[in-house]
Amino acid sequence: MNWMQKVEKPMGREWLLAAVGVSLLASAFVYFFIHVPMQAKREQAQAESQAMRQDLQAIEAYRSAHASEASYEKDLLARQARVDKALPDRLEQGVFLGRLQQLAFQNKIKLTQVAPKVAAVRDGLQVMPVEVKFRSSYFELLSFLRSLRDEDRYIQVARTAVQEKDGALNCQLELRIFAVKGDS
């Protein structure tokens, strides 16, 4: 006998129950294996989209802050020019000593000795100490130090020694000038 003949054929109600069961199984399969993973991917895509929107907002904020690129570029060039003056490519010892003499004259300082020392390289910069001795009054000394500070070129006052003698100040300064490259 054939096994198909032995199996009872379902009637209307049994068919309905079987169809509902298969539908429930198919729905559960679709929900757990298709809908839930798609929902997770959608949430992930929304999070990535939100992150991209935030990045775009940051870019727009930067762009609006620097709306006129020409003025921004001009500002950068001006800053670079100030840096180039403060730390030139070469020590330019003669130019510095001439400017030092001008500052001393302008501030009524009487230079008694200017002695450049041997330049050394520190942290990728060439450094040249210059020992300066002079006589001045208190206010002339302050004015001279302010003039050194206000120079375009960076000048470090490394050491000072001041002694009073006969109503005037005998001063000894060690100034340091810097250059980016090793040429003098």
N, C-alpha and C. Protein backbone atom coordinates (compact mmCIF):
# COMPACT_ATOMS: atom_id res chain seq x y z
N MET A 1 0.81 -1.17 0.00
CA MET A 1 0.00 0.00 0.00
C MET A 1 0.86 1.24 0.00
N ASN A 2 0.27 2.14 -0.59
CA ASN A 2 0.97 3.40 -0.72
C ASN A 2 0.74 4.21 0.56
N TRP A 3 1.77 4.86 1.06
CA TRP A 3 1.66 5.64 2.31
C TRP A 3 0.73 6.83 2.16
N MET A 4 0.58 7.31 0.92
CA MET A 4 -0.30 8.45 0.68
C MET A 4 -1.76 8.05 0.89
N GLN A 5 -2.02 6.86 0.63
CA GLN A 5 -3.38 6.42 0.80
C GLN A 5 -3.71 6.24 2.27
N LYS A 6 -2.72 5.89 3.07
CA LYS A 6 -2.94 5.67 4.48
C LYS A 6 -3.16 6.99 5.23
N VAL A 7 -2.56 8.04 4.75
CA VAL A 7 -2.69 9.33 5.42
C VAL A 7 -4.07 9.89 5.11
N GLU A 8 -4.68 10.35 6.16
CA GLU A 8 -6.00 10.92 5.99
C GLU A 8 -5.87 12.29 5.37
N LYS A 9 -6.76 12.56 4.50
CA LYS A 9 -6.77 13.86 3.87
C LYS A 9 -7.47 14.82 4.82
N PRO A 10 -6.79 16.00 5.08
CA PRO A 10 -7.42 16.93 6.02
C PRO A 10 -8.70 17.52 5.43
N MET A 11 -9.57 17.82 6.32
CA MET A 11 -10.85 18.41 5.94
C MET A 11 -10.72 19.93 6.04
N GLY A 12 -11.77 20.66 5.87
CA GLY A 12 -11.77 22.11 5.84
C GLY A 12 -11.16 22.75 7.07
N ARG A 13 -11.57 22.31 8.24
CA ARG A 13 -11.06 22.91 9.48
C ARG A 13 -9.61 22.56 9.68
N GLU A 14 -9.21 21.40 9.40
CA GLU A 14 -7.83 20.98 9.55
C GLU A 14 -6.94 21.76 8.57
N TRP A 15 -7.48 22.00 7.36
CA TRP A 15 -6.74 22.79 6.39
C TRP A 15 -6.54 24.21 6.92
N LEU A 16 -7.52 24.74 7.52
CA LEU A 16 -7.44 26.09 8.06
C LEU A 16 -6.40 26.15 9.16
N LEU A 17 -6.40 25.20 10.08
CA LEU A 17 -5.42 25.16 11.16
C LEU A 17 -4.00 24.98 10.61
N ALA A 18 -3.85 24.13 9.62
CA ALA A 18 -2.53 23.91 9.02
C ALA A 18 -2.05 25.19 8.32
N ALA A 19 -2.96 25.85 7.64
CA ALA A 19 -2.58 27.09 6.94
C ALA A 19 -2.20 28.17 7.95
N VAL A 20 -2.94 28.28 9.06
CA VAL A 20 -2.62 29.27 10.08
C VAL A 20 -1.26 28.95 10.71
N GLY A 21 -0.99 27.69 10.98
CA GLY A 21 0.29 27.28 11.57
C GLY A 21 1.45 27.61 10.65
N VAL A 22 1.30 27.27 9.35
CA VAL A 22 2.36 27.56 8.39
C VAL A 22 2.54 29.07 8.26
N SER A 23 1.45 29.81 8.27
CA SER A 23 1.54 31.28 8.18
C SER A 23 2.26 31.86 9.39
N LEU A 24 1.93 31.33 10.59
CA LEU A 24 2.61 31.80 11.79
C LEU A 24 4.11 31.49 11.75
N LEU A 25 4.43 30.29 11.30
CA LEU A 25 5.85 29.92 11.18
C LEU A 25 6.56 30.82 10.15
N ALA A 26 5.91 31.06 9.02
CA ALA A 26 6.51 31.91 7.98
C ALA A 26 6.66 33.34 8.50
N SER A 27 5.65 33.84 9.24
CA SER A 27 5.72 35.19 9.80
C SER A 27 6.85 35.29 10.82
N ALA A 28 6.99 34.31 11.68
CA ALA A 28 8.07 34.31 12.67
C ALA A 28 9.43 34.28 11.97
N PHE A 29 9.54 33.47 10.92
CA PHE A 29 10.79 33.40 10.16
C PHE A 29 11.11 34.76 9.55
N VAL A 30 10.13 35.38 8.91
CA VAL A 30 10.34 36.69 8.28
C VAL A 30 10.71 37.73 9.34
N TYR A 31 10.02 37.71 10.48
CA TYR A 31 10.28 38.70 11.52
C TYR A 31 11.69 38.57 12.08
N PHE A 32 12.08 37.35 12.48
CA PHE A 32 13.37 37.17 13.15
C PHE A 32 14.56 37.14 12.20
N PHE A 33 14.37 36.66 11.00
CA PHE A 33 15.52 36.51 10.10
C PHE A 33 15.60 37.57 9.00
N ILE A 34 14.53 38.36 8.83
CA ILE A 34 14.57 39.41 7.81
C ILE A 34 14.31 40.78 8.42
N HIS A 35 13.19 40.93 9.15
CA HIS A 35 12.81 42.24 9.68
C HIS A 35 13.79 42.76 10.74
N VAL A 36 14.14 41.95 11.73
CA VAL A 36 15.03 42.39 12.81
C VAL A 36 16.41 42.79 12.27
N PRO A 37 17.06 41.99 11.42
CA PRO A 37 18.35 42.43 10.87
C PRO A 37 18.24 43.71 10.02
N MET A 38 17.14 43.83 9.27
CA MET A 38 16.95 45.04 8.47
C MET A 38 16.75 46.26 9.37
N GLN A 39 16.05 46.08 10.47
CA GLN A 39 15.84 47.17 11.42
C GLN A 39 17.18 47.62 12.02
N ALA A 40 18.04 46.66 12.37
CA ALA A 40 19.36 46.99 12.92
C ALA A 40 20.19 47.75 11.89
N LYS A 41 20.14 47.31 10.64
CA LYS A 41 20.89 48.02 9.58
C LYS A 41 20.35 49.43 9.38
N ARG A 42 19.04 49.60 9.47
CA ARG A 42 18.43 50.93 9.32
C ARG A 42 18.90 51.85 10.43
N GLU A 43 18.93 51.36 11.67
CA GLU A 43 19.39 52.17 12.79
C GLU A 43 20.87 52.54 12.64
N GLN A 44 21.66 51.58 12.16
CA GLN A 44 23.07 51.85 11.92
C GLN A 44 23.24 52.92 10.82
N ALA A 45 22.46 52.82 9.77
CA ALA A 45 22.53 53.81 8.69
C ALA A 45 22.09 55.18 9.20
N GLN A 46 21.10 55.24 10.07
CA GLN A 46 20.66 56.52 10.64
C GLN A 46 21.76 57.13 11.51
N ALA A 47 22.45 56.30 12.29
CA ALA A 47 23.55 56.80 13.12
C ALA A 47 24.68 57.34 12.25
N GLU A 48 25.03 56.64 11.18
CA GLU A 48 26.07 57.12 10.27
C GLU A 48 25.64 58.41 9.58
N SER A 49 24.37 58.49 9.22
CA SER A 49 23.85 59.69 8.59
C SER A 49 23.92 60.87 9.56
N GLN A 50 23.60 60.65 10.82
CA GLN A 50 23.67 61.71 11.82
C GLN A 50 25.12 62.17 12.01
N ALA A 51 26.05 61.24 12.05
CA ALA A 51 27.47 61.59 12.18
C ALA A 51 27.94 62.41 10.97
N MET A 52 27.48 62.03 9.78
CA MET A 52 27.86 62.79 8.58
C MET A 52 27.25 64.19 8.62
N ARG A 53 26.03 64.32 9.11
CA ARG A 53 25.41 65.64 9.23
C ARG A 53 26.20 66.51 10.20
N GLN A 54 26.66 65.93 11.30
CA GLN A 54 27.46 66.70 12.26
C GLN A 54 28.78 67.12 11.63
N ASP A 55 29.41 66.24 10.87
CA ASP A 55 30.65 66.60 10.18
C ASP A 55 30.41 67.74 9.19
N LEU A 56 29.31 67.67 8.46
CA LEU A 56 28.98 68.74 7.52
C LEU A 56 28.73 70.05 8.24
N GLN A 57 28.08 70.00 9.39
CA GLN A 57 27.85 71.22 10.17
C GLN A 57 29.16 71.81 10.64
N ALA A 58 30.10 70.96 11.07
CA ALA A 58 31.41 71.46 11.50
C ALA A 58 32.15 72.10 10.33
N ILE A 59 32.07 71.48 9.17
CA ILE A 59 32.73 72.04 7.98
C ILE A 59 32.10 73.37 7.61
N GLU A 60 30.78 73.44 7.65
CA GLU A 60 30.09 74.70 7.34
C GLU A 60 30.44 75.79 8.35
N ALA A 61 30.54 75.42 9.62
CA ALA A 61 30.92 76.41 10.64
C ALA A 61 32.33 76.92 10.38
N TYR A 62 33.26 76.03 10.02
CA TYR A 62 34.63 76.44 9.70
C TYR A 62 34.62 77.34 8.46
N ARG A 63 33.86 76.95 7.46
CA ARG A 63 33.81 77.73 6.23
C ARG A 63 33.23 79.11 6.49
N SER A 64 32.18 79.20 7.30
CA SER A 64 31.60 80.51 7.56
C SER A 64 32.53 81.36 8.44
N ALA A 65 33.30 80.72 9.32
CA ALA A 65 34.25 81.46 10.13
C ALA A 65 35.38 82.03 9.27
N HIS A 66 35.70 81.33 8.19
CA HIS A 66 36.76 81.78 7.28
C HIS A 66 36.15 82.07 5.91
N ALA A 67 35.05 82.80 5.93
CA ALA A 67 34.29 83.05 4.70
C ALA A 67 35.13 83.72 3.62
N SER A 68 35.87 84.71 4.00
CA SER A 68 36.69 85.39 2.99
C SER A 68 38.09 84.79 3.01
N GLU A 69 38.28 83.80 2.18
CA GLU A 69 39.55 83.09 2.13
C GLU A 69 40.71 84.03 1.80
N ALA A 70 40.44 85.06 1.04
CA ALA A 70 41.52 85.98 0.67
C ALA A 70 42.05 86.68 1.92
N SER A 71 41.15 87.15 2.79
CA SER A 71 41.63 87.82 4.00
C SER A 71 42.27 86.81 4.96
N TYR A 72 41.73 85.59 5.00
CA TYR A 72 42.32 84.55 5.85
C TYR A 72 43.73 84.21 5.37
N GLU A 73 43.88 84.08 4.06
CA GLU A 73 45.20 83.78 3.50
C GLU A 73 46.15 84.95 3.73
N LYS A 74 45.63 86.17 3.62
CA LYS A 74 46.45 87.36 3.86
C LYS A 74 46.93 87.38 5.31
N ASP A 75 46.03 87.02 6.23
CA ASP A 75 46.39 86.96 7.65
C ASP A 75 47.47 85.91 7.90
N LEU A 76 47.32 84.74 7.26
CA LEU A 76 48.34 83.69 7.41
C LEU A 76 49.69 84.15 6.86
N LEU A 77 49.67 84.83 5.73
CA LEU A 77 50.93 85.33 5.15
C LEU A 77 51.57 86.37 6.05
N ALA A 78 50.75 87.23 6.67
CA ALA A 78 51.30 88.25 7.58
C ALA A 78 51.91 87.58 8.80
N ARG A 79 51.25 86.55 9.31
CA ARG A 79 51.81 85.83 10.47
C ARG A 79 53.11 85.14 10.10
N GLN A 80 53.16 84.55 8.91
CA GLN A 80 54.38 83.89 8.47
C GLN A 80 55.51 84.90 8.31
N ALA A 81 55.20 86.08 7.83
CA ALA A 81 56.22 87.12 7.68
C ALA A 81 56.76 87.54 9.04
N ARG A 82 55.88 87.65 10.05
CA ARG A 82 56.35 87.99 11.40
C ARG A 82 57.25 86.90 11.96
N VAL A 83 56.90 85.65 11.71
CA VAL A 83 57.74 84.53 12.18
C VAL A 83 59.08 84.56 11.47
N ASP A 84 59.07 84.84 10.16
CA ASP A 84 60.33 84.90 9.41
C ASP A 84 61.24 86.01 9.91
N LYS A 85 60.66 87.13 10.35
CA LYS A 85 61.46 88.21 10.92
C LYS A 85 61.99 87.83 12.30
N ALA A 86 61.16 87.16 13.09
CA ALA A 86 61.57 86.79 14.45
C ALA A 86 62.64 85.71 14.42
N LEU A 87 62.52 84.75 13.51
CA LEU A 87 63.51 83.67 13.38
C LEU A 87 63.95 83.60 11.92
N PRO A 88 64.92 84.43 11.53
CA PRO A 88 65.36 84.42 10.13
C PRO A 88 66.10 83.13 9.79
N ASP A 89 66.35 82.95 8.49
CA ASP A 89 67.06 81.75 8.03
C ASP A 89 68.54 81.77 8.41
N ARG A 90 69.10 82.97 8.53
CA ARG A 90 70.52 83.10 8.88
C ARG A 90 70.65 83.99 10.10
N LEU A 91 71.76 83.89 10.80
CA LEU A 91 71.98 84.70 12.00
C LEU A 91 72.06 86.18 11.69
N GLU A 92 72.60 86.54 10.55
CA GLU A 92 72.76 87.94 10.15
C GLU A 92 73.34 88.77 11.29
N GLN A 93 74.50 88.32 11.74
CA GLN A 93 75.19 88.93 12.89
C GLN A 93 75.43 90.41 12.68
N GLY A 94 75.88 90.82 11.50
CA GLY A 94 76.18 92.23 11.24
C GLY A 94 74.93 93.11 11.31
N VAL A 95 73.83 92.63 10.77
CA VAL A 95 72.58 93.38 10.81
C VAL A 95 72.13 93.54 12.27
N PHE A 96 72.23 92.47 13.04
CA PHE A 96 71.82 92.52 14.44
C PHE A 96 72.69 93.51 15.23
N LEU A 97 74.02 93.45 15.03
CA LEU A 97 74.91 94.34 15.78
C LEU A 97 74.68 95.81 15.39
N GLY A 98 74.40 96.06 14.12
CA GLY A 98 74.07 97.43 13.69
C GLY A 98 72.78 97.91 14.34
N ARG A 99 71.78 97.05 14.40
CA ARG A 99 70.51 97.42 15.03
C ARG A 99 70.69 97.62 16.53
N LEU A 100 71.52 96.80 17.16
CA LEU A 100 71.81 96.94 18.60
C LEU A 100 72.44 98.31 18.87
N GLN A 101 73.37 98.73 18.02
CA GLN A 101 74.02 100.02 18.18
C GLN A 101 73.00 101.16 18.00
N GLN A 102 72.09 101.03 17.04
CA GLN A 102 71.05 102.04 16.85
C GLN A 102 70.14 102.16 18.08
N LEU A 103 69.74 101.02 18.62
CA LEU A 103 68.88 101.03 19.81
C LEU A 103 69.59 101.67 20.99
N ALA A 104 70.87 101.35 21.14
CA ALA A 104 71.64 101.96 22.23
C ALA A 104 71.70 103.47 22.05
N PHE A 105 71.95 103.94 20.86
CA PHE A 105 72.04 105.38 20.59
C PHE A 105 70.69 106.06 20.85
N GLN A 106 69.61 105.43 20.39
CA GLN A 106 68.26 106.00 20.58
C GLN A 106 67.90 106.11 22.06
N ASN A 107 68.41 105.20 22.88
CA ASN A 107 68.07 105.18 24.31
C ASN A 107 69.17 105.80 25.17
N LYS A 108 70.11 106.50 24.54
CA LYS A 108 71.20 107.20 25.22
C LYS A 108 72.06 106.26 26.07
N ILE A 109 72.29 105.09 25.55
CA ILE A 109 73.13 104.09 26.20
C ILE A 109 74.54 104.23 25.65
N LYS A 110 75.53 104.16 26.53
CA LYS A 110 76.93 104.23 26.10
C LYS A 110 77.51 102.82 26.12
N LEU A 111 77.59 102.19 24.94
CA LEU A 111 78.15 100.84 24.84
C LEU A 111 79.64 100.88 25.12
N THR A 112 80.11 99.97 25.98
CA THR A 112 81.55 99.89 26.25
C THR A 112 82.15 98.63 25.64
N GLN A 113 81.30 97.60 25.43
CA GLN A 113 81.82 96.37 24.82
C GLN A 113 80.66 95.57 24.22
N VAL A 114 80.88 95.05 23.03
CA VAL A 114 79.94 94.14 22.38
C VAL A 114 80.77 92.97 21.89
N ALA A 115 80.52 91.78 22.43
CA ALA A 115 81.35 90.62 22.11
C ALA A 115 80.49 89.42 21.70
N PRO A 116 80.37 89.19 20.37
CA PRO A 116 79.65 87.99 19.93
C PRO A 116 80.42 86.73 20.32
N LYS A 117 79.71 85.70 20.72
CA LYS A 117 80.32 84.42 21.08
C LYS A 117 80.12 83.43 19.94
N VAL A 118 80.67 82.25 20.12
CA VAL A 118 80.55 81.20 19.10
C VAL A 118 79.10 80.70 19.07
N ALA A 119 78.56 80.59 17.88
CA ALA A 119 77.19 80.10 17.72
C ALA A 119 77.14 78.60 17.93
N ALA A 120 76.03 78.13 18.48
CA ALA A 120 75.82 76.70 18.72
C ALA A 120 74.44 76.32 18.20
N VAL A 121 74.24 75.04 17.96
CA VAL A 121 72.94 74.55 17.49
C VAL A 121 72.23 73.86 18.65
N ARG A 122 71.00 74.35 18.94
CA ARG A 122 70.18 73.75 20.00
C ARG A 122 68.77 73.58 19.48
N ASP A 123 68.24 72.38 19.63
CA ASP A 123 66.86 72.09 19.22
C ASP A 123 66.58 72.49 17.78
N GLY A 124 67.54 72.29 16.91
CA GLY A 124 67.36 72.59 15.50
C GLY A 124 67.51 74.06 15.13
N LEU A 125 67.84 74.90 16.10
CA LEU A 125 68.04 76.33 15.85
C LEU A 125 69.48 76.69 16.13
N GLN A 126 70.00 77.61 15.34
CA GLN A 126 71.34 78.12 15.62
C GLN A 126 71.19 79.28 16.60
N VAL A 127 71.98 79.25 17.69
CA VAL A 127 71.90 80.26 18.75
C VAL A 127 73.26 80.93 18.87
N MET A 128 73.25 82.25 18.86
CA MET A 128 74.49 82.98 19.04
C MET A 128 74.35 83.94 20.22
N PRO A 129 75.15 83.72 21.28
CA PRO A 129 75.14 84.66 22.40
C PRO A 129 76.00 85.88 22.08
N VAL A 130 75.56 87.03 22.57
CA VAL A 130 76.30 88.28 22.40
C VAL A 130 76.37 88.94 23.77
N GLU A 131 77.60 89.16 24.25
CA GLU A 131 77.77 89.83 25.54
C GLU A 131 77.87 91.33 25.29
N VAL A 132 77.04 92.09 26.00
CA VAL A 132 76.98 93.55 25.82
C VAL A 132 77.22 94.21 27.18
N LYS A 133 78.19 95.15 27.21
CA LYS A 133 78.46 95.93 28.42
C LYS A 133 78.22 97.40 28.10
N PHE A 134 77.62 98.13 29.05
CA PHE A 134 77.34 99.55 28.82
C PHE A 134 77.07 100.26 30.14
N ARG A 135 77.06 101.59 30.06
CA ARG A 135 76.73 102.45 31.20
C ARG A 135 75.43 103.18 30.87
N SER A 136 74.58 103.31 31.87
CA SER A 136 73.31 104.01 31.64
C SER A 136 72.69 104.40 32.97
N SER A 137 71.59 105.13 32.88
CA SER A 137 70.78 105.40 34.06
C SER A 137 69.70 104.30 34.13
N TYR A 138 68.96 104.31 35.20
CA TYR A 138 67.91 103.31 35.41
C TYR A 138 66.87 103.40 34.29
N PHE A 139 66.38 104.59 34.00
CA PHE A 139 65.32 104.75 33.00
C PHE A 139 65.82 104.46 31.59
N GLU A 140 67.06 104.78 31.31
CA GLU A 140 67.63 104.44 30.02
C GLU A 140 67.73 102.92 29.84
N LEU A 141 68.09 102.24 30.92
CA LEU A 141 68.15 100.77 30.88
C LEU A 141 66.78 100.19 30.61
N LEU A 142 65.74 100.68 31.30
CA LEU A 142 64.38 100.18 31.07
C LEU A 142 63.94 100.44 29.63
N SER A 143 64.21 101.61 29.15
CA SER A 143 63.84 101.96 27.78
C SER A 143 64.57 101.06 26.77
N PHE A 144 65.84 100.79 27.01
CA PHE A 144 66.62 99.93 26.13
C PHE A 144 66.07 98.50 26.13
N LEU A 145 65.73 97.99 27.30
CA LEU A 145 65.18 96.63 27.39
C LEU A 145 63.82 96.54 26.69
N ARG A 146 62.99 97.58 26.82
CA ARG A 146 61.71 97.60 26.10
C ARG A 146 61.94 97.62 24.59
N SER A 147 62.93 98.38 24.16
CA SER A 147 63.25 98.43 22.73
C SER A 147 63.67 97.06 22.21
N LEU A 148 64.46 96.33 23.00
CA LEU A 148 64.86 94.97 22.60
C LEU A 148 63.64 94.07 22.51
N ARG A 149 62.72 94.21 23.45
CA ARG A 149 61.51 93.37 23.47
C ARG A 149 60.62 93.68 22.27
N ASP A 150 60.57 94.93 21.86
CA ASP A 150 59.68 95.34 20.77
C ASP A 150 60.26 95.10 19.38
N GLU A 151 61.47 94.63 19.29
CA GLU A 151 62.09 94.37 17.99
C GLU A 151 61.33 93.25 17.26
N ASP A 152 61.35 93.31 15.93
CA ASP A 152 60.73 92.25 15.13
C ASP A 152 61.46 90.92 15.33
N ARG A 153 62.77 90.99 15.43
CA ARG A 153 63.57 89.79 15.63
C ARG A 153 63.48 89.36 17.08
N TYR A 154 63.39 88.05 17.30
CA TYR A 154 63.35 87.54 18.66
C TYR A 154 64.74 87.63 19.27
N ILE A 155 64.84 88.36 20.38
CA ILE A 155 66.10 88.53 21.11
C ILE A 155 65.84 88.10 22.54
N GLN A 156 66.59 87.12 22.98
CA GLN A 156 66.43 86.62 24.35
C GLN A 156 67.48 87.27 25.25
N VAL A 157 67.02 87.83 26.36
CA VAL A 157 67.95 88.34 27.36
C VAL A 157 68.21 87.18 28.32
N ALA A 158 69.38 86.56 28.17
CA ALA A 158 69.67 85.34 28.91
C ALA A 158 70.22 85.61 30.31
N ARG A 159 70.99 86.67 30.45
CA ARG A 159 71.63 86.95 31.75
C ARG A 159 71.81 88.45 31.89
N THR A 160 71.61 88.95 33.10
CA THR A 160 71.84 90.37 33.36
C THR A 160 72.66 90.52 34.63
N ALA A 161 73.50 91.54 34.63
CA ALA A 161 74.26 91.92 35.84
C ALA A 161 74.32 93.44 35.85
N VAL A 162 73.85 94.04 36.94
CA VAL A 162 73.80 95.50 37.04
C VAL A 162 74.45 95.91 38.37
N GLN A 163 75.37 96.88 38.26
CA GLN A 163 76.02 97.42 39.45
C GLN A 163 75.99 98.94 39.37
N GLU A 164 75.77 99.59 40.50
CA GLU A 164 75.76 101.05 40.56
C GLU A 164 77.17 101.52 40.89
N LYS A 165 77.64 102.53 40.14
CA LYS A 165 78.97 103.09 40.40
C LYS A 165 78.96 104.55 39.96
N ASP A 166 79.25 105.42 40.88
CA ASP A 166 79.34 106.86 40.62
C ASP A 166 78.04 107.42 40.04
N GLY A 167 76.90 106.98 40.55
CA GLY A 167 75.61 107.51 40.12
C GLY A 167 75.11 106.96 38.80
N ALA A 168 75.83 106.03 38.18
CA ALA A 168 75.39 105.42 36.92
C ALA A 168 75.37 103.90 37.11
N LEU A 169 74.71 103.22 36.20
CA LEU A 169 74.64 101.76 36.26
C LEU A 169 75.61 101.16 35.25
N ASN A 170 76.45 100.24 35.74
CA ASN A 170 77.29 99.44 34.86
C ASN A 170 76.52 98.15 34.60
N CYS A 171 76.16 97.93 33.37
CA CYS A 171 75.30 96.79 33.02
C CYS A 171 76.06 95.82 32.13
N GLN A 172 75.74 94.55 32.33
CA GLN A 172 76.28 93.49 31.49
C GLN A 172 75.11 92.57 31.15
N LEU A 173 74.84 92.43 29.86
CA LEU A 173 73.75 91.57 29.39
C LEU A 173 74.31 90.48 28.49
N GLU A 174 73.71 89.32 28.56
CA GLU A 174 73.98 88.30 27.55
C GLU A 174 72.70 88.17 26.73
N LEU A 175 72.78 88.61 25.49
CA LEU A 175 71.66 88.51 24.56
C LEU A 175 71.87 87.30 23.67
N ARG A 176 70.79 86.67 23.26
CA ARG A 176 70.89 85.54 22.34
C ARG A 176 69.99 85.80 21.15
N ILE A 177 70.55 85.58 19.97
CA ILE A 177 69.75 85.66 18.74
C ILE A 177 69.69 84.26 18.14
N PHE A 178 68.64 84.03 17.36
CA PHE A 178 68.38 82.70 16.84
C PHE A 178 68.19 82.74 15.33
N ALA A 179 68.51 81.62 14.69
CA ALA A 179 68.28 81.46 13.25
C ALA A 179 67.86 80.03 12.99
N VAL A 180 67.06 79.85 11.94
CA VAL A 180 66.53 78.51 11.62
C VAL A 180 67.60 77.65 10.98
N LYS A 181 68.37 78.21 10.05
CA LYS A 181 69.40 77.42 9.35
C LYS A 181 70.77 77.72 9.94
N GLY A 182 71.79 76.95 9.51
CA GLY A 182 73.11 77.04 10.09
C GLY A 182 74.03 78.08 9.48
N ASP A 183 73.62 78.84 8.45
CA ASP A 183 74.51 79.85 7.86
C ASP A 183 74.62 81.05 8.78
N SER A 184 75.78 81.70 8.78
CA SER A 184 75.91 82.91 9.61
C SER A 184 76.00 84.15 8.78
